[in-house]
Amino acid sequence: MRTVEWCEGTPGAVRMIDQRLLPGEFRLVEYRDYRAVAAAIRDMVVRGAPAIGAAAAFGMALAAQQSRARERERLLQDLREAADVLCAARPTAVNLSWAVQRLLRRAEAEPDPAAIPDALLAEAQALADEDVEINKRLGEHGAALIQDGDTILHHCNTGALATVDYGTALGVIRTAHEQGKRIHVLVDETRPRLQGARLTAWELQQLGIPFTLIADNAAGHFMRTGQVNLVLVGADRVAANGDVANKIGTYKLAVVAQANGIPFYPCVPTSTIDLSLPSGDHIPIEERPAEEITGITVDGQPVVPQGARVANPAFDVTPHRYVTGIITENGIAYPPFTLSLKRMVAG
């Protein structure tokens, strides 16, 4: 099934897999209010840039259904307010604002206010369907880089759970596996929320792809000792110069990969490329609650002294000089990224 999908009804609802409960429990949750969708995005019920983009798109469709406005301008104002709420949920992933703006443009193009709710639902559904096809095309381009017998280091989660379906970096791995290539995946646990240990490991189990879970701090050891052939990651935003914002810990992987002569490839749909930002220095970095770190326990006891000061950035920026290439649904962008990324976005 899809990570995010629409449920028909009056009113309709957005159905999601509650990723906070995996791998221990598989539970579906439904939301009938766009504010609840925004909260689900913020609280990481749904996560992964493409998935939260689709969730936000369906959230806009909900907002159109919820509005009591009969006049076109008042309805558009309600939608703009909903857009602000949804975009504020997680600021780093550009797919969220991209999806919301796409839905707003569709609403503004519809002269009949009575037709706007159905138009937005159709647009959100089209966006979700496109995501699946985009990921499969991306997987084909990326799988061409993987050789039979390769070991791939993967960070965070980029599979079907991070998208509407199929996946980005994990979609590349999935495609290579489906092609019959004998591959192995080293899965970073990805602290502090452990998306690698909880989500990527679970997805790889479902797909029957061999993997080994490793502590984040072990990645350098495996690269130095020649046990990694390439590194594949996702991204939440790519600047025009090829700087990549992704889950915290990605930057150090890219640096160590380059030091050991290992190719490093982010895998992104072109909706993640933000040509309006000249460099990664302009990408907003989300700061997550301290409780994600202070709440960690071992043997039932907290590992952090009470009152300790905590910094918990959710993302870091990898400068483009450490990036071998960027895999998209339209091909692989190589340096100079200021030129190649424009070609990828143009299609």
C-alpha atoms as a PDB file:
ATOM      1  CA  MET A   1       0.000   0.000   0.000  1.00  0.00           C
ATOM      2  CA  ARG A   2       0.995   3.645  -0.251  1.00  0.00           C
ATOM      3  CA  THR A   3       2.577   5.584   2.593  1.00  0.00           C
ATOM      4  CA  VAL A   4       0.109   8.457   2.049  1.00  0.00           C
ATOM      5  CA  GLU A   5      -3.233   8.189   0.281  1.00  0.00           C
ATOM      6  CA  TRP A   6      -6.684   9.735   0.068  1.00  0.00           C
ATOM      7  CA  CYS A   7      -9.769   8.118   1.599  1.00  0.00           C
ATOM      8  CA  GLU A   8     -13.091   8.991   0.022  1.00  0.00           C
ATOM      9  CA  GLY A   9     -15.880  10.205   2.259  1.00  0.00           C
ATOM     10  CA  THR A  10     -17.710  13.287   3.477  1.00  0.00           C
ATOM     11  CA  PRO A  11     -15.470  14.791   4.496  1.00  0.00           C
ATOM     12  CA  GLY A  12     -12.560  12.966   2.927  1.00  0.00           C
ATOM     13  CA  ALA A  13      -9.471  11.968   4.879  1.00  0.00           C
ATOM     14  CA  VAL A  14      -5.730  11.554   4.459  1.00  0.00           C
ATOM     15  CA  ARG A  15      -4.566   8.072   5.467  1.00  0.00           C
ATOM     16  CA  MET A  16      -0.953   7.492   6.512  1.00  0.00           C
ATOM     17  CA  ILE A  17       1.220   4.772   7.959  1.00  0.00           C
ATOM     18  CA  ASP A  18       2.224   5.901  11.466  1.00  0.00           C
ATOM     19  CA  GLN A  19       5.966   5.543  11.087  1.00  0.00           C
ATOM     20  CA  ARG A  20       6.634   6.318  14.751  1.00  0.00           C
ATOM     21  CA  LEU A  21       5.414   2.824  15.659  1.00  0.00           C
ATOM     22  CA  LEU A  22       7.463   0.770  13.209  1.00  0.00           C
ATOM     23  CA  PRO A  23       8.849  -1.862  13.234  1.00  0.00           C
ATOM     24  CA  GLY A  24       6.944  -3.029  16.294  1.00  0.00           C
ATOM     25  CA  GLU A  25       3.461  -2.082  15.083  1.00  0.00           C
ATOM     26  CA  PHE A  26       1.936  -1.356  11.685  1.00  0.00           C
ATOM     27  CA  ARG A  27      -0.909   1.128  12.149  1.00  0.00           C
ATOM     28  CA  LEU A  28      -2.880   3.300   9.748  1.00  0.00           C
ATOM     29  CA  VAL A  29      -4.108   6.710  10.895  1.00  0.00           C
ATOM     30  CA  GLU A  30      -6.580   9.090   9.222  1.00  0.00           C
ATOM     31  CA  TYR A  31      -6.842  12.874   9.358  1.00  0.00           C
ATOM     32  CA  ARG A  32      -9.813  14.985   8.318  1.00  0.00           C
ATOM     33  CA  ASP A  33      -8.394  18.421   9.154  1.00  0.00           C
ATOM     34  CA  TYR A  34      -5.445  20.096   7.446  1.00  0.00           C
ATOM     35  CA  ARG A  35      -4.127  21.289  10.821  1.00  0.00           C
ATOM     36  CA  ALA A  36      -3.957  17.669  11.955  1.00  0.00           C
ATOM     37  CA  VAL A  37      -2.057  16.837   8.762  1.00  0.00           C
ATOM     38  CA  ALA A  38       0.429  19.607   9.578  1.00  0.00           C
ATOM     39  CA  ALA A  39       0.820  18.209  13.094  1.00  0.00           C
ATOM     40  CA  ALA A  40       1.395  14.707  11.681  1.00  0.00           C
ATOM     41  CA  ILE A  41       4.148  16.088   9.458  1.00  0.00           C
ATOM     42  CA  ARG A  42       5.722  17.984  12.337  1.00  0.00           C
ATOM     43  CA  ASP A  43       5.515  15.013  14.714  1.00  0.00           C
ATOM     44  CA  MET A  44       6.969  12.641  12.075  1.00  0.00           C
ATOM     45  CA  VAL A  45       3.965  10.373  11.742  1.00  0.00           C
ATOM     46  CA  VAL A  46       4.916  10.783   8.087  1.00  0.00           C
ATOM     47  CA  ARG A  47       8.471  11.678   7.126  1.00  0.00           C
ATOM     48  CA  GLY A  48      10.699  11.809   4.079  1.00  0.00           C
ATOM     49  CA  ALA A  49      10.638  14.780   1.709  1.00  0.00           C
ATOM     50  CA  PRO A  50       8.456  13.291  -1.079  1.00  0.00           C
ATOM     51  CA  ALA A  51       6.012  11.749   1.415  1.00  0.00           C
ATOM     52  CA  ILE A  52       5.474  14.969   3.347  1.00  0.00           C
ATOM     53  CA  GLY A  53       5.021  16.802   0.054  1.00  0.00           C
ATOM     54  CA  ALA A  54       2.197  14.437  -0.879  1.00  0.00           C
ATOM     55  CA  ALA A  55       0.728  14.661   2.617  1.00  0.00           C
ATOM     56  CA  ALA A  56       0.729  18.453   2.399  1.00  0.00           C
ATOM     57  CA  ALA A  57      -0.929  18.321  -1.027  1.00  0.00           C
ATOM     58  CA  PHE A  58      -3.749  16.198   0.372  1.00  0.00           C
ATOM     59  CA  GLY A  59      -3.836  18.584   3.342  1.00  0.00           C
ATOM     60  CA  MET A  60      -4.573  21.412   0.923  1.00  0.00           C
ATOM     61  CA  ALA A  61      -7.373  19.341  -0.606  1.00  0.00           C
ATOM     62  CA  LEU A  62      -8.786  18.901   2.906  1.00  0.00           C
ATOM     63  CA  ALA A  63      -8.547  22.644   3.501  1.00  0.00           C
ATOM     64  CA  ALA A  64     -10.621  23.282   0.382  1.00  0.00           C
ATOM     65  CA  GLN A  65     -13.262  20.816   1.571  1.00  0.00           C
ATOM     66  CA  GLN A  66     -13.257  22.290   5.085  1.00  0.00           C
ATOM     67  CA  SER A  67     -13.669  25.905   3.995  1.00  0.00           C
ATOM     68  CA  ARG A  68     -17.144  27.365   4.439  1.00  0.00           C
ATOM     69  CA  ALA A  69     -16.370  30.148   1.969  1.00  0.00           C
ATOM     70  CA  ARG A  70     -18.632  30.541  -1.030  1.00  0.00           C
ATOM     71  CA  GLU A  71     -16.869  33.502  -2.609  1.00  0.00           C
ATOM     72  CA  ARG A  72     -13.753  32.706  -4.612  1.00  0.00           C
ATOM     73  CA  GLU A  73     -11.440  35.251  -2.949  1.00  0.00           C
ATOM     74  CA  ARG A  74     -12.443  34.171   0.540  1.00  0.00           C
ATOM     75  CA  LEU A  75     -11.827  30.524  -0.357  1.00  0.00           C
ATOM     76  CA  LEU A  76      -8.421  31.395  -1.772  1.00  0.00           C
ATOM     77  CA  GLN A  77      -7.618  33.269   1.441  1.00  0.00           C
ATOM     78  CA  ASP A  78      -8.534  30.176   3.479  1.00  0.00           C
ATOM     79  CA  LEU A  79      -6.225  28.109   1.276  1.00  0.00           C
ATOM     80  CA  ARG A  80      -3.350  30.563   1.688  1.00  0.00           C
ATOM     81  CA  GLU A  81      -3.765  30.361   5.454  1.00  0.00           C
ATOM     82  CA  ALA A  82      -3.720  26.570   5.250  1.00  0.00           C
ATOM     83  CA  ALA A  83      -0.606  26.774   3.073  1.00  0.00           C
ATOM     84  CA  ASP A  84       1.195  28.794   5.750  1.00  0.00           C
ATOM     85  CA  VAL A  85       0.300  26.257   8.444  1.00  0.00           C
ATOM     86  CA  LEU A  86       1.437  23.302   6.346  1.00  0.00           C
ATOM     87  CA  CYS A  87       4.675  24.921   5.156  1.00  0.00           C
ATOM     88  CA  ALA A  88       5.657  25.778   8.732  1.00  0.00           C
ATOM     89  CA  ALA A  89       5.449  22.129   9.815  1.00  0.00           C
ATOM     90  CA  ARG A  90       8.966  21.247   8.592  1.00  0.00           C
ATOM     91  CA  PRO A  91      10.935  24.021   6.887  1.00  0.00           C
ATOM     92  CA  THR A  92      13.966  22.205   5.427  1.00  0.00           C
ATOM     93  CA  ALA A  93      12.288  19.843   2.947  1.00  0.00           C
ATOM     94  CA  VAL A  94      11.495  21.896  -0.150  1.00  0.00           C
ATOM     95  CA  ASN A  95       9.065  19.252  -1.439  1.00  0.00           C
ATOM     96  CA  LEU A  96       6.563  20.417   1.167  1.00  0.00           C
ATOM     97  CA  SER A  97       6.419  24.033  -0.016  1.00  0.00           C
ATOM     98  CA  TRP A  98       6.706  22.896  -3.657  1.00  0.00           C
ATOM     99  CA  ALA A  99       3.613  20.721  -3.293  1.00  0.00           C
ATOM    100  CA  VAL A 100       1.643  23.388  -1.431  1.00  0.00           C
ATOM    101  CA  GLN A 101       2.467  26.040  -4.030  1.00  0.00           C
ATOM    102  CA  ARG A 102       1.463  23.656  -6.821  1.00  0.00           C
ATOM    103  CA  LEU A 103      -1.951  23.204  -5.181  1.00  0.00           C
ATOM    104  CA  LEU A 104      -2.329  26.948  -4.636  1.00  0.00           C
ATOM    105  CA  ARG A 105      -1.596  27.634  -8.292  1.00  0.00           C
ATOM    106  CA  ARG A 106      -4.229  25.096  -9.292  1.00  0.00           C
ATOM    107  CA  ALA A 107      -6.789  26.785  -7.059  1.00  0.00           C
ATOM    108  CA  GLU A 108      -5.945  30.229  -8.415  1.00  0.00           C
ATOM    109  CA  ALA A 109      -6.385  28.961 -11.969  1.00  0.00           C
ATOM    110  CA  GLU A 110      -9.944  27.762 -11.313  1.00  0.00           C
ATOM    111  CA  PRO A 111     -12.524  30.529 -11.895  1.00  0.00           C
ATOM    112  CA  ASP A 112     -15.439  28.640 -10.329  1.00  0.00           C
ATOM    113  CA  PRO A 113     -15.112  28.464  -6.524  1.00  0.00           C
ATOM    114  CA  ALA A 114     -17.460  25.490  -6.360  1.00  0.00           C
ATOM    115  CA  ALA A 115     -15.060  23.516  -8.547  1.00  0.00           C
ATOM    116  CA  ILE A 116     -11.933  24.243  -6.475  1.00  0.00           C
ATOM    117  CA  PRO A 117     -12.259  21.386  -3.922  1.00  0.00           C
ATOM    118  CA  ASP A 118     -12.537  18.713  -6.623  1.00  0.00           C
ATOM    119  CA  ALA A 119      -9.774  20.371  -8.644  1.00  0.00           C
ATOM    120  CA  LEU A 120      -7.390  20.334  -5.677  1.00  0.00           C
ATOM    121  CA  LEU A 121      -8.141  16.722  -4.855  1.00  0.00           C
ATOM    122  CA  ALA A 122      -7.435  15.744  -8.455  1.00  0.00           C
ATOM    123  CA  GLU A 123      -4.182  17.721  -8.403  1.00  0.00           C
ATOM    124  CA  ALA A 124      -3.054  16.150  -5.134  1.00  0.00           C
ATOM    125  CA  GLN A 125      -3.816  12.676  -6.468  1.00  0.00           C
ATOM    126  CA  ALA A 126      -1.891  13.435  -9.662  1.00  0.00           C
ATOM    127  CA  LEU A 127       1.086  14.596  -7.584  1.00  0.00           C
ATOM    128  CA  ALA A 128       1.026  11.362  -5.570  1.00  0.00           C
ATOM    129  CA  ASP A 129       0.770   9.183  -8.682  1.00  0.00           C
ATOM    130  CA  GLU A 130       3.614  11.086 -10.331  1.00  0.00           C
ATOM    131  CA  ASP A 131       5.820  10.496  -7.287  1.00  0.00           C
ATOM    132  CA  VAL A 132       5.633   6.731  -7.740  1.00  0.00           C
ATOM    133  CA  GLU A 133       6.537   6.908 -11.433  1.00  0.00           C
ATOM    134  CA  ILE A 134       9.325   9.417 -10.774  1.00  0.00           C
ATOM    135  CA  ASN A 135      10.881   7.146  -8.159  1.00  0.00           C
ATOM    136  CA  LYS A 136      10.859   4.165 -10.519  1.00  0.00           C
ATOM    137  CA  ARG A 137      12.607   6.207 -13.233  1.00  0.00           C
ATOM    138  CA  LEU A 138      15.125   7.451 -10.685  1.00  0.00           C
ATOM    139  CA  GLY A 139      15.729   3.867  -9.611  1.00  0.00           C
ATOM    140  CA  GLU A 140      16.542   2.822 -13.176  1.00  0.00           C
ATOM    141  CA  HIS A 141      19.132   5.597 -13.598  1.00  0.00           C
ATOM    142  CA  GLY A 142      20.747   4.886 -10.246  1.00  0.00           C
ATOM    143  CA  ALA A 143      20.805   1.103 -10.580  1.00  0.00           C
ATOM    144  CA  ALA A 144      23.064   1.465 -13.626  1.00  0.00           C
ATOM    145  CA  LEU A 145      25.811   2.582 -11.215  1.00  0.00           C
ATOM    146  CA  ILE A 146      25.538  -0.560  -9.082  1.00  0.00           C
ATOM    147  CA  GLN A 147      27.625  -3.596 -10.002  1.00  0.00           C
ATOM    148  CA  ASP A 148      26.891  -7.199  -9.165  1.00  0.00           C
ATOM    149  CA  GLY A 149      28.414  -7.912  -5.761  1.00  0.00           C
ATOM    150  CA  ASP A 150      28.475  -4.283  -4.549  1.00  0.00           C
ATOM    151  CA  THR A 151      28.065  -3.245  -0.934  1.00  0.00           C
ATOM    152  CA  ILE A 152      26.169   0.034  -0.539  1.00  0.00           C
ATOM    153  CA  LEU A 153      26.253   2.259   2.536  1.00  0.00           C
ATOM    154  CA  HIS A 154      22.869   3.893   3.185  1.00  0.00           C
ATOM    155  CA  HIS A 155      21.899   6.619   5.671  1.00  0.00           C
ATOM    156  CA  CYS A 156      18.461   7.383   7.196  1.00  0.00           C
ATOM    157  CA  ASN A 157      15.391   6.075   5.318  1.00  0.00           C
ATOM    158  CA  THR A 158      14.659   6.735   1.659  1.00  0.00           C
ATOM    159  CA  GLY A 159      12.382   3.836   0.805  1.00  0.00           C
ATOM    160  CA  ALA A 160       8.664   3.524   0.143  1.00  0.00           C
ATOM    161  CA  LEU A 161       7.995   4.934   3.613  1.00  0.00           C
ATOM    162  CA  ALA A 162       9.809   8.170   2.735  1.00  0.00           C
ATOM    163  CA  THR A 163       7.860   8.610  -0.494  1.00  0.00           C
ATOM    164  CA  VAL A 164       4.365   7.808  -1.715  1.00  0.00           C
ATOM    165  CA  ASP A 165       5.768   4.444  -2.801  1.00  0.00           C
ATOM    166  CA  TYR A 166       8.968   2.731  -4.045  1.00  0.00           C
ATOM    167  CA  GLY A 167      11.662   5.116  -2.725  1.00  0.00           C
ATOM    168  CA  THR A 168      14.601   7.255  -3.847  1.00  0.00           C
ATOM    169  CA  ALA A 169      18.019   5.977  -2.712  1.00  0.00           C
ATOM    170  CA  LEU A 170      16.415   2.800  -1.409  1.00  0.00           C
ATOM    171  CA  GLY A 171      14.465   2.700  -4.668  1.00  0.00           C
ATOM    172  CA  VAL A 172      17.801   2.560  -6.512  1.00  0.00           C
ATOM    173  CA  ILE A 173      18.844  -0.356  -4.303  1.00  0.00           C
ATOM    174  CA  ARG A 174      15.473  -2.023  -4.838  1.00  0.00           C
ATOM    175  CA  THR A 175      15.776  -1.702  -8.616  1.00  0.00           C
ATOM    176  CA  ALA A 176      19.266  -3.223  -8.605  1.00  0.00           C
ATOM    177  CA  HIS A 177      17.971  -6.125  -6.495  1.00  0.00           C
ATOM    178  CA  GLU A 178      15.025  -6.648  -8.860  1.00  0.00           C
ATOM    179  CA  GLN A 179      17.507  -6.725 -11.750  1.00  0.00           C
ATOM    180  CA  GLY A 180      19.105  -9.763 -10.113  1.00  0.00           C
ATOM    181  CA  LYS A 181      22.274  -8.052  -8.876  1.00  0.00           C
ATOM    182  CA  ARG A 182      23.731  -9.590  -5.746  1.00  0.00           C
ATOM    183  CA  ILE A 183      24.081  -6.625  -3.432  1.00  0.00           C
ATOM    184  CA  HIS A 184      24.471  -5.983   0.276  1.00  0.00           C
ATOM    185  CA  VAL A 185      23.437  -2.873   2.201  1.00  0.00           C
ATOM    186  CA  LEU A 186      25.175  -1.414   5.245  1.00  0.00           C
ATOM    187  CA  VAL A 187      22.429   0.447   7.113  1.00  0.00           C
ATOM    188  CA  ASP A 188      23.386   3.348   9.378  1.00  0.00           C
ATOM    189  CA  GLU A 189      21.148   3.338  12.459  1.00  0.00           C
ATOM    190  CA  THR A 190      20.746   7.137  11.958  1.00  0.00           C
ATOM    191  CA  ARG A 191      20.508   8.745  15.381  1.00  0.00           C
ATOM    192  CA  PRO A 192      18.744  10.205  17.208  1.00  0.00           C
ATOM    193  CA  ARG A 193      15.423   8.935  15.783  1.00  0.00           C
ATOM    194  CA  LEU A 194      16.952   5.749  14.340  1.00  0.00           C
ATOM    195  CA  GLN A 195      15.213   5.866  10.957  1.00  0.00           C
ATOM    196  CA  GLY A 196      17.796   3.479   9.555  1.00  0.00           C
ATOM    197  CA  ALA A 197      17.432   0.914  12.317  1.00  0.00           C
ATOM    198  CA  ARG A 198      13.645   1.163  12.574  1.00  0.00           C
ATOM    199  CA  LEU A 199      12.515   1.878   9.011  1.00  0.00           C
ATOM    200  CA  THR A 200      15.204   1.036   6.457  1.00  0.00           C
ATOM    201  CA  ALA A 201      16.031  -2.305   8.099  1.00  0.00           C
ATOM    202  CA  TRP A 202      12.301  -3.144   8.186  1.00  0.00           C
ATOM    203  CA  GLU A 203      11.829  -2.243   4.516  1.00  0.00           C
ATOM    204  CA  LEU A 204      14.853  -4.259   3.428  1.00  0.00           C
ATOM    205  CA  GLN A 205      13.500  -7.246   5.341  1.00  0.00           C
ATOM    206  CA  GLN A 206      10.170  -6.943   3.512  1.00  0.00           C
ATOM    207  CA  LEU A 207      11.995  -6.807   0.166  1.00  0.00           C
ATOM    208  CA  GLY A 208      14.357  -9.685   0.928  1.00  0.00           C
ATOM    209  CA  ILE A 209      17.483  -7.573   0.334  1.00  0.00           C
ATOM    210  CA  PRO A 210      20.535  -8.614   2.397  1.00  0.00           C
ATOM    211  CA  PHE A 211      21.687  -5.962   4.870  1.00  0.00           C
ATOM    212  CA  THR A 212      23.767  -5.377   7.969  1.00  0.00           C
ATOM    213  CA  LEU A 213      22.802  -2.751  10.537  1.00  0.00           C
ATOM    214  CA  ILE A 214      25.739  -0.722  11.856  1.00  0.00           C
ATOM    215  CA  ALA A 215      26.184   2.055  14.397  1.00  0.00           C
ATOM    216  CA  ASP A 216      26.536   5.479  12.805  1.00  0.00           C
ATOM    217  CA  ASN A 217      30.084   5.801  14.126  1.00  0.00           C
ATOM    218  CA  ALA A 218      31.117   2.540  12.432  1.00  0.00           C
ATOM    219  CA  ALA A 219      30.649   3.835   8.883  1.00  0.00           C
ATOM    220  CA  GLY A 220      34.184   5.204   8.609  1.00  0.00           C
ATOM    221  CA  HIS A 221      35.651   1.866   9.650  1.00  0.00           C
ATOM    222  CA  PHE A 222      33.810   0.010   6.900  1.00  0.00           C
ATOM    223  CA  MET A 223      34.844   2.574   4.303  1.00  0.00           C
ATOM    224  CA  ARG A 224      38.524   2.600   5.299  1.00  0.00           C
ATOM    225  CA  THR A 225      38.734  -1.191   5.274  1.00  0.00           C
ATOM    226  CA  GLY A 226      37.408  -1.443   1.721  1.00  0.00           C
ATOM    227  CA  GLN A 227      34.002  -2.862   2.564  1.00  0.00           C
ATOM    228  CA  VAL A 228      31.928  -0.167   0.823  1.00  0.00           C
ATOM    229  CA  ASN A 229      31.630   0.350  -2.950  1.00  0.00           C
ATOM    230  CA  LEU A 230      29.385   3.413  -2.950  1.00  0.00           C
ATOM    231  CA  VAL A 231      27.288   5.594  -0.648  1.00  0.00           C
ATOM    232  CA  LEU A 232      23.654   6.360  -1.479  1.00  0.00           C
ATOM    233  CA  VAL A 233      21.560   8.889   0.460  1.00  0.00           C
ATOM    234  CA  GLY A 234      18.424  10.930  -0.082  1.00  0.00           C
ATOM    235  CA  ALA A 235      18.031  14.677   0.308  1.00  0.00           C
ATOM    236  CA  ASP A 236      15.512  17.186   1.596  1.00  0.00           C
ATOM    237  CA  ARG A 237      16.784  20.085  -0.497  1.00  0.00           C
ATOM    238  CA  VAL A 238      19.483  20.589  -3.133  1.00  0.00           C
ATOM    239  CA  ALA A 239      20.768  24.098  -3.846  1.00  0.00           C
ATOM    240  CA  ALA A 240      21.587  25.358  -7.343  1.00  0.00           C
ATOM    241  CA  ASN A 241      25.322  24.726  -6.846  1.00  0.00           C
ATOM    242  CA  GLY A 242      24.825  21.101  -5.768  1.00  0.00           C
ATOM    243  CA  ASP A 243      25.058  21.579  -2.003  1.00  0.00           C
ATOM    244  CA  VAL A 244      22.803  18.947  -0.407  1.00  0.00           C
ATOM    245  CA  ALA A 245      20.760  19.165   2.799  1.00  0.00           C
ATOM    246  CA  ASN A 246      19.980  15.742   4.218  1.00  0.00           C
ATOM    247  CA  LYS A 247      19.534  13.934   7.509  1.00  0.00           C
ATOM    248  CA  ILE A 248      22.118  14.912  10.111  1.00  0.00           C
ATOM    249  CA  GLY A 249      25.263  12.810   9.716  1.00  0.00           C
ATOM    250  CA  THR A 250      25.282  12.876   5.922  1.00  0.00           C
ATOM    251  CA  TYR A 251      28.065  15.483   5.709  1.00  0.00           C
ATOM    252  CA  LYS A 252      30.607  13.384   7.579  1.00  0.00           C
ATOM    253  CA  LEU A 253      29.763  10.346   5.444  1.00  0.00           C
ATOM    254  CA  ALA A 254      30.475  12.358   2.281  1.00  0.00           C
ATOM    255  CA  VAL A 255      33.811  13.628   3.631  1.00  0.00           C
ATOM    256  CA  VAL A 256      34.964  10.154   4.673  1.00  0.00           C
ATOM    257  CA  ALA A 257      33.762   8.665   1.395  1.00  0.00           C
ATOM    258  CA  GLN A 258      35.844  11.125  -0.604  1.00  0.00           C
ATOM    259  CA  ALA A 259      38.867  10.490   1.623  1.00  0.00           C
ATOM    260  CA  ASN A 260      38.588   6.786   0.760  1.00  0.00           C
ATOM    261  CA  GLY A 261      37.829   7.191  -2.960  1.00  0.00           C
ATOM    262  CA  ILE A 262      34.224   5.981  -2.629  1.00  0.00           C
ATOM    263  CA  PRO A 263      31.525   7.527  -4.853  1.00  0.00           C
ATOM    264  CA  PHE A 264      28.842   9.496  -2.969  1.00  0.00           C
ATOM    265  CA  TYR A 265      25.443   9.957  -4.649  1.00  0.00           C
ATOM    266  CA  PRO A 266      22.347  11.727  -3.306  1.00  0.00           C
ATOM    267  CA  CYS A 267      19.174  10.408  -4.976  1.00  0.00           C
ATOM    268  CA  VAL A 268      16.435  13.006  -5.400  1.00  0.00           C
ATOM    269  CA  PRO A 269      13.372  13.794  -7.496  1.00  0.00           C
ATOM    270  CA  THR A 270      13.788  17.100  -9.312  1.00  0.00           C
ATOM    271  CA  SER A 271      11.123  18.595  -7.017  1.00  0.00           C
ATOM    272  CA  THR A 272      13.809  18.499  -4.301  1.00  0.00           C
ATOM    273  CA  ILE A 273      16.142  20.742  -6.333  1.00  0.00           C
ATOM    274  CA  ASP A 274      15.752  24.392  -5.330  1.00  0.00           C
ATOM    275  CA  LEU A 275      17.343  26.500  -8.055  1.00  0.00           C
ATOM    276  CA  SER A 276      16.294  29.669  -6.207  1.00  0.00           C
ATOM    277  CA  LEU A 277      18.990  29.072  -3.574  1.00  0.00           C
ATOM    278  CA  PRO A 278      22.559  29.710  -4.786  1.00  0.00           C
ATOM    279  CA  SER A 279      24.155  27.510  -2.101  1.00  0.00           C
ATOM    280  CA  GLY A 280      23.434  25.347   0.902  1.00  0.00           C
ATOM    281  CA  ASP A 281      24.196  28.253   3.219  1.00  0.00           C
ATOM    282  CA  HIS A 282      20.681  29.508   2.428  1.00  0.00           C
ATOM    283  CA  ILE A 283      18.880  26.267   3.344  1.00  0.00           C
ATOM    284  CA  PRO A 284      16.961  26.538   6.642  1.00  0.00           C
ATOM    285  CA  ILE A 285      17.985  23.828   9.102  1.00  0.00           C
ATOM    286  CA  GLU A 286      15.232  22.496  11.338  1.00  0.00           C
ATOM    287  CA  GLU A 287      16.048  22.246  15.047  1.00  0.00           C
ATOM    288  CA  ARG A 288      14.223  19.317  16.640  1.00  0.00           C
ATOM    289  CA  PRO A 289      13.138  19.054  20.300  1.00  0.00           C
ATOM    290  CA  ALA A 290      15.841  18.291  22.878  1.00  0.00           C
ATOM    291  CA  GLU A 291      13.699  15.428  24.172  1.00  0.00           C
ATOM    292  CA  GLU A 292      14.673  13.348  21.135  1.00  0.00           C
ATOM    293  CA  ILE A 293      18.127  13.099  22.744  1.00  0.00           C
ATOM    294  CA  THR A 294      17.468  13.525  26.457  1.00  0.00           C
ATOM    295  CA  GLY A 295      14.728  10.891  26.297  1.00  0.00           C
ATOM    296  CA  ILE A 296      17.160   8.120  25.261  1.00  0.00           C
ATOM    297  CA  THR A 297      17.486   5.456  27.946  1.00  0.00           C
ATOM    298  CA  VAL A 298      19.727   2.438  28.540  1.00  0.00           C
ATOM    299  CA  ASP A 299      18.567  -0.255  30.944  1.00  0.00           C
ATOM    300  CA  GLY A 300      15.662   2.005  31.793  1.00  0.00           C
ATOM    301  CA  GLN A 301      17.914   4.878  32.843  1.00  0.00           C
ATOM    302  CA  PRO A 302      18.405   8.209  31.013  1.00  0.00           C
ATOM    303  CA  VAL A 303      21.827   8.560  29.397  1.00  0.00           C
ATOM    304  CA  VAL A 304      21.888  12.370  29.573  1.00  0.00           C
ATOM    305  CA  PRO A 305      22.445  14.245  32.862  1.00  0.00           C
ATOM    306  CA  GLN A 306      19.441  16.307  33.913  1.00  0.00           C
ATOM    307  CA  GLY A 307      19.755  19.918  32.800  1.00  0.00           C
ATOM    308  CA  ALA A 308      22.303  19.220  30.052  1.00  0.00           C
ATOM    309  CA  ARG A 309      22.227  21.676  27.157  1.00  0.00           C
ATOM    310  CA  VAL A 310      21.222  19.995  23.884  1.00  0.00           C
ATOM    311  CA  ALA A 311      21.557  20.962  20.215  1.00  0.00           C
ATOM    312  CA  ASN A 312      19.520  18.771  17.879  1.00  0.00           C
ATOM    313  CA  PRO A 313      19.682  19.890  14.232  1.00  0.00           C
ATOM    314  CA  ALA A 314      17.696  17.499  12.064  1.00  0.00           C
ATOM    315  CA  PHE A 315      19.797  18.088   8.936  1.00  0.00           C
ATOM    316  CA  ASP A 316      23.249  19.102   7.778  1.00  0.00           C
ATOM    317  CA  VAL A 317      24.536  20.456   4.476  1.00  0.00           C
ATOM    318  CA  THR A 318      27.071  18.570   2.377  1.00  0.00           C
ATOM    319  CA  PRO A 319      29.069  20.964   0.146  1.00  0.00           C
ATOM    320  CA  HIS A 320      28.960  20.020  -3.527  1.00  0.00           C
ATOM    321  CA  ARG A 321      32.708  19.331  -3.688  1.00  0.00           C
ATOM    322  CA  TYR A 322      32.050  16.049  -1.844  1.00  0.00           C
ATOM    323  CA  VAL A 323      29.234  14.975  -4.173  1.00  0.00           C
ATOM    324  CA  THR A 324      30.129  12.599  -7.025  1.00  0.00           C
ATOM    325  CA  GLY A 325      26.790  13.036  -8.764  1.00  0.00           C
ATOM    326  CA  ILE A 326      23.100  13.571  -8.052  1.00  0.00           C
ATOM    327  CA  ILE A 327      20.694  10.893  -9.292  1.00  0.00           C
ATOM    328  CA  THR A 328      17.308  12.171 -10.505  1.00  0.00           C
ATOM    329  CA  GLU A 329      14.404  10.797 -12.528  1.00  0.00           C
ATOM    330  CA  ASN A 330      15.796  12.634 -15.567  1.00  0.00           C
ATOM    331  CA  GLY A 331      19.311  11.241 -15.319  1.00  0.00           C
ATOM    332  CA  ILE A 332      22.438  11.789 -13.250  1.00  0.00           C
ATOM    333  CA  ALA A 333      23.754  15.314 -12.723  1.00  0.00           C
ATOM    334  CA  TYR A 334      27.522  15.652 -12.561  1.00  0.00           C
ATOM    335  CA  PRO A 335      29.714  18.698 -11.859  1.00  0.00           C
ATOM    336  CA  PRO A 336      29.456  21.515 -12.662  1.00  0.00           C
ATOM    337  CA  PHE A 337      26.113  21.261 -10.891  1.00  0.00           C
ATOM    338  CA  THR A 338      25.104  24.832 -11.689  1.00  0.00           C
ATOM    339  CA  LEU A 339      24.677  23.641 -15.277  1.00  0.00           C
ATOM    340  CA  SER A 340      23.646  20.006 -14.907  1.00  0.00           C
ATOM    341  CA  LEU A 341      20.958  20.591 -12.284  1.00  0.00           C
ATOM    342  CA  LYS A 342      19.239  23.106 -14.534  1.00  0.00           C
ATOM    343  CA  ARG A 343      19.146  20.483 -17.292  1.00  0.00           C
ATOM    344  CA  MET A 344      17.686  17.901 -14.904  1.00  0.00           C
ATOM    345  CA  VAL A 345      14.946  20.266 -13.720  1.00  0.00           C
ATOM    346  CA  ALA A 346      14.137  21.235 -17.312  1.00  0.00           C
ATOM    347  CA  GLY A 347      13.729  17.553 -18.099  1.00  0.00           C
END
